[in-house]
Amino acid sequence: MSSLYVGERRQSPRCPLGLQATIKPGLGTEPRCCIVTNISDQGVRIRVDGIKSLDEFVLIFPSDTPARDGTYKVVWGNNRHDFGARFLSSAT
């Protein structure tokens, strides 16, 4: 086993993406652009400036991508800009 995989806890592999998407953080907050830095079957990692904390949000991708628009729940945040989120449900 490669040392790159030591401590790997992900249930599904991540794919690097670097794609701009629209994040809608919640009521009373304007939608804004974010960068989806990687994606998997179960979630995303995003980079967004100007949001200090998130719980759930809607993520809208450009129409020409295979990524899923929908509601995501934050499962970790390593600083004020990067968040990991789990896919909850499709956008309506």
Protein backbone atom coordinates (compact mmCIF):
# COMPACT_ATOMS: atom_id res chain seq x y z
CA MET A 1 0.00 0.00 0.00
CA SER A 2 1.30 3.44 -0.91
CA SER A 3 2.08 5.87 1.88
CA LEU A 4 -0.25 8.34 0.13
CA TYR A 5 -3.23 6.32 1.36
CA VAL A 6 -2.22 5.96 5.00
CA GLY A 7 -4.99 7.45 7.12
CA GLU A 8 -7.41 7.77 4.20
CA ARG A 9 -10.94 7.97 5.65
CA ARG A 10 -12.98 8.83 2.59
CA GLN A 11 -15.66 6.38 1.50
CA SER A 12 -15.50 7.52 -2.12
CA PRO A 13 -12.52 8.90 -4.04
CA ARG A 14 -12.16 12.62 -4.66
CA CYS A 15 -11.62 14.09 -8.11
CA PRO A 16 -9.91 17.47 -8.49
CA LEU A 17 -12.24 19.96 -10.12
CA GLY A 18 -11.41 23.68 -9.82
CA LEU A 19 -14.84 24.73 -11.06
CA GLN A 20 -16.72 27.94 -10.30
CA ALA A 21 -20.22 27.40 -8.90
CA THR A 22 -22.87 29.46 -7.13
CA ILE A 23 -23.44 29.00 -3.42
CA LYS A 24 -26.64 30.06 -1.69
CA PRO A 25 -25.76 30.03 2.03
CA GLY A 26 -29.25 30.63 3.43
CA LEU A 27 -32.06 33.06 4.06
CA GLY A 28 -31.02 36.68 4.07
CA THR A 29 -27.69 35.95 2.41
CA GLU A 30 -26.98 36.82 -1.21
CA PRO A 31 -25.79 34.03 -3.53
CA ARG A 32 -22.09 34.27 -4.37
CA CYS A 33 -19.44 32.52 -6.38
CA CYS A 34 -17.30 29.78 -4.92
CA ILE A 35 -14.70 27.37 -6.26
CA VAL A 36 -15.38 23.65 -5.99
CA THR A 37 -11.85 22.32 -5.56
CA ASN A 38 -12.79 18.64 -5.57
CA ILE A 39 -15.83 16.43 -5.75
CA SER A 40 -16.89 12.86 -4.99
CA ASP A 41 -20.09 10.82 -5.11
CA GLN A 42 -20.83 11.93 -1.55
CA GLY A 43 -19.79 15.55 -1.42
CA VAL A 44 -17.60 18.50 -2.30
CA ARG A 45 -14.78 20.65 -1.03
CA ILE A 46 -15.36 24.33 -1.67
CA ARG A 47 -13.39 27.53 -1.28
CA VAL A 48 -15.43 30.65 -0.65
CA ASP A 49 -14.39 34.08 0.59
CA GLY A 50 -16.47 36.22 2.91
CA ILE A 51 -18.38 33.48 4.72
CA LYS A 52 -17.13 32.71 8.22
CA SER A 53 -19.41 29.81 8.99
CA LEU A 54 -21.82 27.55 7.16
CA ASP A 55 -24.17 24.76 8.14
CA GLU A 56 -26.21 23.91 5.06
CA PHE A 57 -26.24 25.54 1.65
CA VAL A 58 -27.47 25.10 -1.91
CA LEU A 59 -24.82 24.67 -4.58
CA ILE A 60 -25.61 25.38 -8.25
CA PHE A 61 -23.19 24.20 -10.92
CA PRO A 62 -22.90 25.38 -14.53
CA SER A 63 -25.24 23.37 -16.77
CA ASP A 64 -22.40 21.73 -18.72
CA THR A 65 -20.95 19.82 -15.76
CA PRO A 66 -21.80 16.36 -14.39
CA ALA A 67 -21.86 17.68 -10.80
CA ARG A 68 -25.13 17.59 -8.84
CA ASP A 69 -26.95 20.80 -7.93
CA GLY A 70 -28.48 20.46 -4.51
CA THR A 71 -28.38 20.94 -0.79
CA TYR A 72 -25.13 20.18 1.03
CA LYS A 73 -24.30 19.96 4.74
CA VAL A 74 -20.93 21.17 6.03
CA VAL A 75 -19.00 18.38 7.74
CA TRP A 76 -15.70 20.18 8.27
CA GLY A 77 -14.01 23.54 7.86
CA ASN A 78 -10.24 23.99 8.17
CA ASN A 79 -10.21 27.77 8.11
CA ARG A 80 -12.45 30.66 7.07
CA HIS A 81 -12.37 29.78 3.37
CA ASP A 82 -12.34 25.98 2.88
CA PHE A 83 -15.27 23.70 3.70
CA GLY A 84 -16.07 20.06 3.10
CA ALA A 85 -19.73 19.24 2.62
CA ARG A 86 -21.85 16.12 2.19
CA PHE A 87 -24.55 15.94 -0.49
CA LEU A 88 -28.03 15.81 1.08
CA SER A 89 -30.62 16.21 -1.68
CA SER A 90 -31.13 17.38 -5.24
CA ALA A 91 -32.15 20.96 -5.97
CA THR A 92 -35.83 21.48 -6.69
